Amino acid sequence: MAEIGTRFSTEGLVIKEMNVGESDRLVTLFTRDYGILKAFASGAKSIKSKKGAATSLLTYSNFTIQRKKETLRITEASPIALFFGVGSDIETLSLSQYFCELAYRFGTTGTPNIEMLRLILNSLHFLTKEKRYSRLIKAITELRIAVLSGYSPNLVACKSCGKFEDDVMYFNVKDGSLCCSECEREDGTVAITLSQLSAMRHIVYSQFQKLYSFEISDTNADRLSDITSRYITLQSDQSFDTLNFYNSIKE
């Protein structure tokens, strides 16, 4: 991180915002160079402020930041990309906020995590700009974040007999292992089709530039989304408020 008393510039996504007083804003940024940072944006709520749009939730911006003692203040900000605008629906907003909560929970403070930032930005793009099926983008984001955070499942083969695939395989959401239909299944296993297994393997093992380059049916994506939610929740032993809200409006 920059030395105390210095100014530094970086790009970052606003993943949290909180109003402070009548005109100021405290924002949490997922930055390219410094990971998770919290900074004040004085006067950002004023309609005349040039920092207002750039410090809004789900905006990726250029920031110039001044550090004094333990406080960071945004002195300049200009937007690069806005991922939520007028006319966007509540489901898209809630899922976008869930991606931000994942970034906050699994991102690092003070050190860069460029691959995770890239993942979040690309998922927001495919969700809000490309309008890809939302539950597929959700599953991709959850499972790849699990990989980046040290919770990668072992999807190579059945952990007992080594069979690569079967008509129906079983995935253990508790330990991330695979089991074929002929081997004894443990508590926590869920049945997955070959299409779902192929999608999971692609998400876990593909190079980033190919991560989003596959299609599955909406039915398979729905099933995959349910599984990845259970997996990342159990592996991280965390509850996500934004995920709970998203699930409530999907019901």
C-alpha atoms as a PDB file:
ATOM      1  CA  MET A   1       0.000   0.000   0.000  1.00  0.00           C
ATOM      2  CA  ALA A   2       1.106   3.602  -0.526  1.00  0.00           C
ATOM      3  CA  GLU A   3       3.138   5.237   2.217  1.00  0.00           C
ATOM      4  CA  ILE A   4       1.387   7.454   4.762  1.00  0.00           C
ATOM      5  CA  GLY A   5       0.869  10.972   3.507  1.00  0.00           C
ATOM      6  CA  THR A   6       1.265  10.127  -0.186  1.00  0.00           C
ATOM      7  CA  ARG A   7      -1.151  10.286  -3.073  1.00  0.00           C
ATOM      8  CA  PHE A   8      -1.700   7.295  -5.295  1.00  0.00           C
ATOM      9  CA  SER A   9      -3.914   6.390  -8.214  1.00  0.00           C
ATOM     10  CA  THR A  10      -5.649   3.138  -9.005  1.00  0.00           C
ATOM     11  CA  GLU A  11      -8.699   1.675 -10.695  1.00  0.00           C
ATOM     12  CA  GLY A  12     -11.373   0.001  -8.637  1.00  0.00           C
ATOM     13  CA  LEU A  13     -14.940  -1.252  -8.390  1.00  0.00           C
ATOM     14  CA  VAL A  14     -17.251   0.250  -5.757  1.00  0.00           C
ATOM     15  CA  ILE A  15     -18.569  -2.807  -3.904  1.00  0.00           C
ATOM     16  CA  LYS A  16     -20.083  -0.984  -0.897  1.00  0.00           C
ATOM     17  CA  GLU A  17     -21.257   2.534  -0.203  1.00  0.00           C
ATOM     18  CA  MET A  18     -22.479   4.250   2.951  1.00  0.00           C
ATOM     19  CA  ASN A  19     -23.719   7.795   3.350  1.00  0.00           C
ATOM     20  CA  VAL A  20     -21.864   9.864   5.938  1.00  0.00           C
ATOM     21  CA  GLY A  21     -23.508  13.084   7.054  1.00  0.00           C
ATOM     22  CA  GLU A  22     -25.420  15.137   4.514  1.00  0.00           C
ATOM     23  CA  SER A  23     -22.987  15.111   1.617  1.00  0.00           C
ATOM     24  CA  ASP A  24     -20.153  12.596   2.146  1.00  0.00           C
ATOM     25  CA  ARG A  25     -19.855   8.951   1.219  1.00  0.00           C
ATOM     26  CA  LEU A  26     -17.726   6.100   2.611  1.00  0.00           C
ATOM     27  CA  VAL A  27     -17.005   3.580  -0.115  1.00  0.00           C
ATOM     28  CA  THR A  28     -15.407   0.155  -0.161  1.00  0.00           C
ATOM     29  CA  LEU A  29     -13.354  -0.410  -3.290  1.00  0.00           C
ATOM     30  CA  PHE A  30     -12.009  -3.578  -4.858  1.00  0.00           C
ATOM     31  CA  THR A  31      -8.944  -2.021  -6.463  1.00  0.00           C
ATOM     32  CA  ARG A  32      -6.588  -3.304  -9.114  1.00  0.00           C
ATOM     33  CA  ASP A  33      -3.381  -2.489  -7.200  1.00  0.00           C
ATOM     34  CA  TYR A  34      -4.284  -2.613  -3.496  1.00  0.00           C
ATOM     35  CA  GLY A  35      -7.126  -5.100  -3.090  1.00  0.00           C
ATOM     36  CA  ILE A  36      -9.915  -4.022  -0.747  1.00  0.00           C
ATOM     37  CA  LEU A  37      -9.754  -0.393   0.427  1.00  0.00           C
ATOM     38  CA  LYS A  38     -12.168   1.887   2.299  1.00  0.00           C
ATOM     39  CA  ALA A  39     -12.076   5.576   1.484  1.00  0.00           C
ATOM     40  CA  PHE A  40     -14.097   8.745   2.096  1.00  0.00           C
ATOM     41  CA  ALA A  41     -15.477  10.742  -0.808  1.00  0.00           C
ATOM     42  CA  SER A  42     -16.197  14.233   0.514  1.00  0.00           C
ATOM     43  CA  GLY A  43     -19.183  15.942  -1.069  1.00  0.00           C
ATOM     44  CA  ALA A  44     -19.944  12.931  -3.288  1.00  0.00           C
ATOM     45  CA  LYS A  45     -23.694  13.165  -2.612  1.00  0.00           C
ATOM     46  CA  SER A  46     -23.883  16.730  -3.881  1.00  0.00           C
ATOM     47  CA  ILE A  47     -25.463  17.051  -7.333  1.00  0.00           C
ATOM     48  CA  LYS A  48     -22.559  19.336  -8.287  1.00  0.00           C
ATOM     49  CA  SER A  49     -19.882  16.822  -7.258  1.00  0.00           C
ATOM     50  CA  LYS A  50     -17.694  15.359  -9.979  1.00  0.00           C
ATOM     51  CA  LYS A  51     -17.098  12.351  -7.705  1.00  0.00           C
ATOM     52  CA  GLY A  52     -20.762  11.401  -7.329  1.00  0.00           C
ATOM     53  CA  ALA A  53     -21.182   9.006 -10.258  1.00  0.00           C
ATOM     54  CA  ALA A  54     -17.676   7.546  -9.950  1.00  0.00           C
ATOM     55  CA  THR A  55     -18.184   6.591  -6.293  1.00  0.00           C
ATOM     56  CA  SER A  56     -21.607   4.983  -6.758  1.00  0.00           C
ATOM     57  CA  LEU A  57     -22.189   1.288  -6.120  1.00  0.00           C
ATOM     58  CA  LEU A  58     -21.272  -1.034  -9.023  1.00  0.00           C
ATOM     59  CA  THR A  59     -19.182   1.592 -10.791  1.00  0.00           C
ATOM     60  CA  TYR A  60     -15.637   0.869 -11.962  1.00  0.00           C
ATOM     61  CA  SER A  61     -13.603   4.069 -11.820  1.00  0.00           C
ATOM     62  CA  ASN A  62     -10.216   5.753 -11.825  1.00  0.00           C
ATOM     63  CA  PHE A  63      -9.371   7.058  -8.353  1.00  0.00           C
ATOM     64  CA  THR A  64      -6.769   9.393  -6.950  1.00  0.00           C
ATOM     65  CA  ILE A  65      -6.511   8.823  -3.213  1.00  0.00           C
ATOM     66  CA  GLN A  66      -4.801  10.751  -0.435  1.00  0.00           C
ATOM     67  CA  ARG A  67      -3.698   8.908   2.665  1.00  0.00           C
ATOM     68  CA  LYS A  68      -3.346  10.778   5.961  1.00  0.00           C
ATOM     69  CA  LYS A  69      -2.504   8.611   8.942  1.00  0.00           C
ATOM     70  CA  GLU A  70      -5.072   5.772   8.795  1.00  0.00           C
ATOM     71  CA  THR A  71      -7.645   7.604   6.689  1.00  0.00           C
ATOM     72  CA  LEU A  72      -8.006   7.404   2.929  1.00  0.00           C
ATOM     73  CA  ARG A  73      -9.756  10.190   1.040  1.00  0.00           C
ATOM     74  CA  ILE A  74     -10.691  10.216  -2.616  1.00  0.00           C
ATOM     75  CA  THR A  75      -9.539  13.498  -4.138  1.00  0.00           C
ATOM     76  CA  GLU A  76     -10.389  12.729  -7.761  1.00  0.00           C
ATOM     77  CA  ALA A  77     -12.568  10.104  -9.427  1.00  0.00           C
ATOM     78  CA  SER A  78     -13.810   9.441 -12.937  1.00  0.00           C
ATOM     79  CA  PRO A  79     -16.048   6.538 -14.020  1.00  0.00           C
ATOM     80  CA  ILE A  80     -14.859   3.892 -16.478  1.00  0.00           C
ATOM     81  CA  ALA A  81     -17.848   1.519 -16.496  1.00  0.00           C
ATOM     82  CA  LEU A  82     -21.253   1.547 -14.828  1.00  0.00           C
ATOM     83  CA  PHE A  83     -22.759  -1.885 -14.232  1.00  0.00           C
ATOM     84  CA  PHE A  84     -26.181  -0.883 -12.978  1.00  0.00           C
ATOM     85  CA  GLY A  85     -28.371   1.849 -14.387  1.00  0.00           C
ATOM     86  CA  VAL A  86     -31.908   3.142 -14.714  1.00  0.00           C
ATOM     87  CA  GLY A  87     -34.262   0.428 -15.891  1.00  0.00           C
ATOM     88  CA  SER A  88     -32.281  -2.484 -14.485  1.00  0.00           C
ATOM     89  CA  ASP A  89     -34.374  -5.070 -12.658  1.00  0.00           C
ATOM     90  CA  ILE A  90     -34.255  -6.048  -9.002  1.00  0.00           C
ATOM     91  CA  GLU A  91     -32.998  -9.563  -9.758  1.00  0.00           C
ATOM     92  CA  THR A  92     -30.000  -8.233 -11.666  1.00  0.00           C
ATOM     93  CA  LEU A  93     -29.274  -5.711  -8.917  1.00  0.00           C
ATOM     94  CA  SER A  94     -29.478  -8.297  -6.139  1.00  0.00           C
ATOM     95  CA  LEU A  95     -27.203 -10.710  -7.989  1.00  0.00           C
ATOM     96  CA  SER A  96     -24.731  -7.911  -8.757  1.00  0.00           C
ATOM     97  CA  GLN A  97     -24.670  -7.022  -5.072  1.00  0.00           C
ATOM     98  CA  TYR A  98     -24.060 -10.685  -4.254  1.00  0.00           C
ATOM     99  CA  PHE A  99     -21.000 -10.632  -6.521  1.00  0.00           C
ATOM    100  CA  CYS A 100     -19.820  -7.570  -4.596  1.00  0.00           C
ATOM    101  CA  GLU A 101     -20.302  -9.371  -1.282  1.00  0.00           C
ATOM    102  CA  LEU A 102     -18.291 -12.317  -2.588  1.00  0.00           C
ATOM    103  CA  ALA A 103     -15.519  -9.909  -3.595  1.00  0.00           C
ATOM    104  CA  TYR A 104     -15.573  -8.332  -0.133  1.00  0.00           C
ATOM    105  CA  ARG A 105     -15.555 -11.660   1.734  1.00  0.00           C
ATOM    106  CA  PHE A 106     -12.850 -13.339  -0.350  1.00  0.00           C
ATOM    107  CA  GLY A 107     -10.778 -10.386  -1.550  1.00  0.00           C
ATOM    108  CA  THR A 108      -7.604  -9.349   0.244  1.00  0.00           C
ATOM    109  CA  THR A 109      -6.931  -6.027   1.943  1.00  0.00           C
ATOM    110  CA  GLY A 110      -3.859  -4.042   0.960  1.00  0.00           C
ATOM    111  CA  THR A 111      -2.580  -6.478  -1.672  1.00  0.00           C
ATOM    112  CA  PRO A 112      -3.738  -6.984  -5.264  1.00  0.00           C
ATOM    113  CA  ASN A 113      -5.931  -9.866  -6.341  1.00  0.00           C
ATOM    114  CA  ILE A 114      -6.177  -9.107 -10.045  1.00  0.00           C
ATOM    115  CA  GLU A 115      -7.651 -12.440 -11.125  1.00  0.00           C
ATOM    116  CA  MET A 116     -10.550 -12.171  -8.680  1.00  0.00           C
ATOM    117  CA  LEU A 117     -11.205  -8.555  -9.679  1.00  0.00           C
ATOM    118  CA  ARG A 118     -11.150  -9.619 -13.315  1.00  0.00           C
ATOM    119  CA  LEU A 119     -13.648 -12.377 -12.528  1.00  0.00           C
ATOM    120  CA  ILE A 120     -16.065 -10.009 -10.799  1.00  0.00           C
ATOM    121  CA  LEU A 121     -15.839  -7.407 -13.577  1.00  0.00           C
ATOM    122  CA  ASN A 122     -16.383  -9.981 -16.309  1.00  0.00           C
ATOM    123  CA  SER A 123     -19.317 -11.565 -14.489  1.00  0.00           C
ATOM    124  CA  LEU A 124     -20.929  -8.147 -14.054  1.00  0.00           C
ATOM    125  CA  HIS A 125     -20.389  -7.462 -17.736  1.00  0.00           C
ATOM    126  CA  PHE A 126     -21.964 -10.733 -18.873  1.00  0.00           C
ATOM    127  CA  LEU A 127     -24.822 -10.264 -16.413  1.00  0.00           C
ATOM    128  CA  THR A 128     -25.676  -6.625 -17.132  1.00  0.00           C
ATOM    129  CA  LYS A 129     -24.358  -5.928 -20.647  1.00  0.00           C
ATOM    130  CA  GLU A 130     -24.412  -9.256 -22.491  1.00  0.00           C
ATOM    131  CA  LYS A 131     -27.559 -10.409 -20.655  1.00  0.00           C
ATOM    132  CA  ARG A 132     -26.337 -14.016 -20.355  1.00  0.00           C
ATOM    133  CA  TYR A 133     -28.557 -16.306 -18.307  1.00  0.00           C
ATOM    134  CA  SER A 134     -28.150 -14.989 -14.783  1.00  0.00           C
ATOM    135  CA  ARG A 135     -27.988 -18.293 -12.921  1.00  0.00           C
ATOM    136  CA  LEU A 136     -25.227 -19.561 -15.210  1.00  0.00           C
ATOM    137  CA  ILE A 137     -23.147 -16.430 -14.535  1.00  0.00           C
ATOM    138  CA  LYS A 138     -23.854 -16.886 -10.823  1.00  0.00           C
ATOM    139  CA  ALA A 139     -22.609 -20.496 -10.889  1.00  0.00           C
ATOM    140  CA  ILE A 140     -19.464 -19.540 -12.813  1.00  0.00           C
ATOM    141  CA  THR A 141     -18.694 -16.758 -10.334  1.00  0.00           C
ATOM    142  CA  GLU A 142     -19.272 -18.853  -7.207  1.00  0.00           C
ATOM    143  CA  LEU A 143     -17.279 -21.871  -8.305  1.00  0.00           C
ATOM    144  CA  ARG A 144     -14.360 -19.904  -9.742  1.00  0.00           C
ATOM    145  CA  ILE A 145     -14.145 -17.759  -6.595  1.00  0.00           C
ATOM    146  CA  ALA A 146     -14.051 -20.979  -4.577  1.00  0.00           C
ATOM    147  CA  VAL A 147     -11.081 -22.067  -6.699  1.00  0.00           C
ATOM    148  CA  LEU A 148      -9.281 -18.736  -6.261  1.00  0.00           C
ATOM    149  CA  SER A 149      -9.900 -18.811  -2.508  1.00  0.00           C
ATOM    150  CA  GLY A 150      -8.414 -22.258  -1.910  1.00  0.00           C
ATOM    151  CA  TYR A 151     -11.643 -24.281  -2.006  1.00  0.00           C
ATOM    152  CA  SER A 152     -11.148 -25.955  -5.374  1.00  0.00           C
ATOM    153  CA  PRO A 153     -13.114 -29.211  -5.737  1.00  0.00           C
ATOM    154  CA  ASN A 154     -11.511 -32.360  -7.136  1.00  0.00           C
ATOM    155  CA  LEU A 155     -13.515 -33.118 -10.269  1.00  0.00           C
ATOM    156  CA  VAL A 156     -11.019 -35.352 -12.061  1.00  0.00           C
ATOM    157  CA  ALA A 157     -12.606 -38.718 -11.268  1.00  0.00           C
ATOM    158  CA  CYS A 158     -14.430 -40.811  -8.681  1.00  0.00           C
ATOM    159  CA  LYS A 159     -12.347 -40.589  -5.541  1.00  0.00           C
ATOM    160  CA  SER A 160     -12.902 -44.280  -4.749  1.00  0.00           C
ATOM    161  CA  CYS A 161     -12.398 -46.159  -8.025  1.00  0.00           C
ATOM    162  CA  GLY A 162     -11.014 -43.496 -10.366  1.00  0.00           C
ATOM    163  CA  LYS A 163     -13.821 -43.704 -12.954  1.00  0.00           C
ATOM    164  CA  PHE A 164     -13.741 -40.553 -15.083  1.00  0.00           C
ATOM    165  CA  GLU A 165     -17.486 -40.347 -15.662  1.00  0.00           C
ATOM    166  CA  ASP A 166     -20.741 -42.268 -15.397  1.00  0.00           C
ATOM    167  CA  ASP A 167     -24.280 -41.639 -16.621  1.00  0.00           C
ATOM    168  CA  VAL A 168     -24.877 -40.058 -13.227  1.00  0.00           C
ATOM    169  CA  MET A 169     -22.077 -38.874 -10.964  1.00  0.00           C
ATOM    170  CA  TYR A 170     -22.328 -37.615  -7.414  1.00  0.00           C
ATOM    171  CA  PHE A 171     -20.719 -34.455  -6.104  1.00  0.00           C
ATOM    172  CA  ASN A 172     -19.993 -34.032  -2.413  1.00  0.00           C
ATOM    173  CA  VAL A 173     -20.722 -30.427  -1.435  1.00  0.00           C
ATOM    174  CA  LYS A 174     -18.947 -30.967   1.888  1.00  0.00           C
ATOM    175  CA  ASP A 175     -15.503 -31.930   0.556  1.00  0.00           C
ATOM    176  CA  GLY A 176     -15.680 -31.233  -3.180  1.00  0.00           C
ATOM    177  CA  SER A 177     -15.105 -34.832  -4.259  1.00  0.00           C
ATOM    178  CA  LEU A 178     -16.736 -36.953  -6.972  1.00  0.00           C
ATOM    179  CA  CYS A 179     -18.244 -40.402  -6.669  1.00  0.00           C
ATOM    180  CA  CYS A 180     -19.604 -42.715  -9.385  1.00  0.00           C
ATOM    181  CA  SER A 181     -22.901 -44.584  -9.145  1.00  0.00           C
ATOM    182  CA  GLU A 182     -21.202 -47.866  -8.244  1.00  0.00           C
ATOM    183  CA  CYS A 183     -19.192 -46.638  -5.236  1.00  0.00           C
ATOM    184  CA  GLU A 184     -20.521 -45.962  -1.769  1.00  0.00           C
ATOM    185  CA  ARG A 185     -21.734 -42.414  -1.424  1.00  0.00           C
ATOM    186  CA  GLU A 186     -21.161 -40.312   1.661  1.00  0.00           C
ATOM    187  CA  ASP A 187     -23.441 -37.815   3.348  1.00  0.00           C
ATOM    188  CA  GLY A 188     -23.594 -34.542   1.430  1.00  0.00           C
ATOM    189  CA  THR A 189     -23.487 -35.978  -2.088  1.00  0.00           C
ATOM    190  CA  VAL A 190     -25.835 -34.699  -4.789  1.00  0.00           C
ATOM    191  CA  ALA A 191     -26.524 -36.271  -8.179  1.00  0.00           C
ATOM    192  CA  ILE A 192     -25.201 -34.403 -11.229  1.00  0.00           C
ATOM    193  CA  THR A 193     -25.616 -35.133 -14.914  1.00  0.00           C
ATOM    194  CA  LEU A 194     -22.731 -35.358 -17.345  1.00  0.00           C
ATOM    195  CA  SER A 195     -23.659 -31.931 -18.726  1.00  0.00           C
ATOM    196  CA  GLN A 196     -23.456 -30.428 -15.253  1.00  0.00           C
ATOM    197  CA  LEU A 197     -20.181 -32.193 -14.510  1.00  0.00           C
ATOM    198  CA  SER A 198     -18.697 -31.013 -17.803  1.00  0.00           C
ATOM    199  CA  ALA A 199     -19.698 -27.426 -16.961  1.00  0.00           C
ATOM    200  CA  MET A 200     -18.162 -27.672 -13.483  1.00  0.00           C
ATOM    201  CA  ARG A 201     -14.923 -29.052 -14.882  1.00  0.00           C
ATOM    202  CA  HIS A 202     -14.784 -26.223 -17.392  1.00  0.00           C
ATOM    203  CA  ILE A 203     -15.313 -23.584 -14.682  1.00  0.00           C
ATOM    204  CA  VAL A 204     -12.664 -25.096 -12.403  1.00  0.00           C
ATOM    205  CA  TYR A 205      -9.951 -26.046 -14.889  1.00  0.00           C
ATOM    206  CA  SER A 206     -10.244 -23.773 -17.952  1.00  0.00           C
ATOM    207  CA  GLN A 207      -8.000 -20.809 -18.676  1.00  0.00           C
ATOM    208  CA  PHE A 208      -9.630 -17.532 -17.768  1.00  0.00           C
ATOM    209  CA  GLN A 209     -10.031 -16.333 -21.353  1.00  0.00           C
ATOM    210  CA  LYS A 210     -12.201 -19.398 -22.037  1.00  0.00           C
ATOM    211  CA  LEU A 211     -14.129 -19.346 -18.750  1.00  0.00           C
ATOM    212  CA  TYR A 212     -17.422 -18.009 -20.127  1.00  0.00           C
ATOM    213  CA  SER A 213     -17.203 -19.733 -23.524  1.00  0.00           C
ATOM    214  CA  PHE A 214     -19.689 -22.548 -23.011  1.00  0.00           C
ATOM    215  CA  GLU A 215     -23.442 -23.004 -22.965  1.00  0.00           C
ATOM    216  CA  ILE A 216     -25.743 -25.323 -21.066  1.00  0.00           C
ATOM    217  CA  SER A 217     -29.524 -25.455 -20.850  1.00  0.00           C
ATOM    218  CA  ASP A 218     -31.309 -23.193 -18.379  1.00  0.00           C
ATOM    219  CA  THR A 219     -32.447 -26.284 -16.474  1.00  0.00           C
ATOM    220  CA  ASN A 220     -28.861 -27.473 -16.062  1.00  0.00           C
ATOM    221  CA  ALA A 221     -27.759 -23.940 -15.135  1.00  0.00           C
ATOM    222  CA  ASP A 222     -30.451 -23.757 -12.447  1.00  0.00           C
ATOM    223  CA  ARG A 223     -29.288 -27.043 -10.944  1.00  0.00           C
ATOM    224  CA  LEU A 224     -25.657 -25.995 -11.162  1.00  0.00           C
ATOM    225  CA  SER A 225     -26.434 -22.678  -9.470  1.00  0.00           C
ATOM    226  CA  ASP A 226     -28.072 -24.456  -6.532  1.00  0.00           C
ATOM    227  CA  ILE A 227     -25.055 -26.745  -6.144  1.00  0.00           C
ATOM    228  CA  THR A 228     -22.417 -23.999  -6.328  1.00  0.00           C
ATOM    229  CA  SER A 229     -24.282 -21.919  -3.743  1.00  0.00           C
ATOM    230  CA  ARG A 230     -24.328 -24.825  -1.330  1.00  0.00           C
ATOM    231  CA  TYR A 231     -20.683 -25.575  -2.025  1.00  0.00           C
ATOM    232  CA  ILE A 232     -19.243 -22.103  -1.448  1.00  0.00           C
ATOM    233  CA  THR A 233     -21.423 -21.595   1.624  1.00  0.00           C
ATOM    234  CA  LEU A 234     -20.348 -24.867   3.221  1.00  0.00           C
ATOM    235  CA  GLN A 235     -16.684 -24.567   2.263  1.00  0.00           C
ATOM    236  CA  SER A 236     -16.312 -21.020   3.571  1.00  0.00           C
ATOM    237  CA  ASP A 237     -18.660 -21.573   6.538  1.00  0.00           C
ATOM    238  CA  GLN A 238     -20.305 -18.241   5.790  1.00  0.00           C
ATOM    239  CA  SER A 239     -23.801 -16.932   5.219  1.00  0.00           C
ATOM    240  CA  PHE A 240     -24.299 -14.284   2.541  1.00  0.00           C
ATOM    241  CA  ASP A 241     -27.080 -11.756   3.135  1.00  0.00           C
ATOM    242  CA  THR A 242     -27.257 -10.775  -0.524  1.00  0.00           C
ATOM    243  CA  LEU A 243     -27.568 -14.418  -1.581  1.00  0.00           C
ATOM    244  CA  ASN A 244     -30.407 -14.929   0.889  1.00  0.00           C
ATOM    245  CA  PHE A 245     -32.184 -11.900  -0.546  1.00  0.00           C
ATOM    246  CA  TYR A 246     -31.612 -13.061  -4.124  1.00  0.00           C
ATOM    247  CA  ASN A 247     -33.057 -16.470  -3.272  1.00  0.00           C
ATOM    248  CA  SER A 248     -36.084 -14.849  -1.623  1.00  0.00           C
ATOM    249  CA  ILE A 249     -37.042 -12.926  -4.777  1.00  0.00           C
ATOM    250  CA  LYS A 250     -36.453 -15.986  -6.968  1.00  0.00           C
ATOM    251  CA  GLU A 251     -38.972 -18.045  -5.022  1.00  0.00           C
END
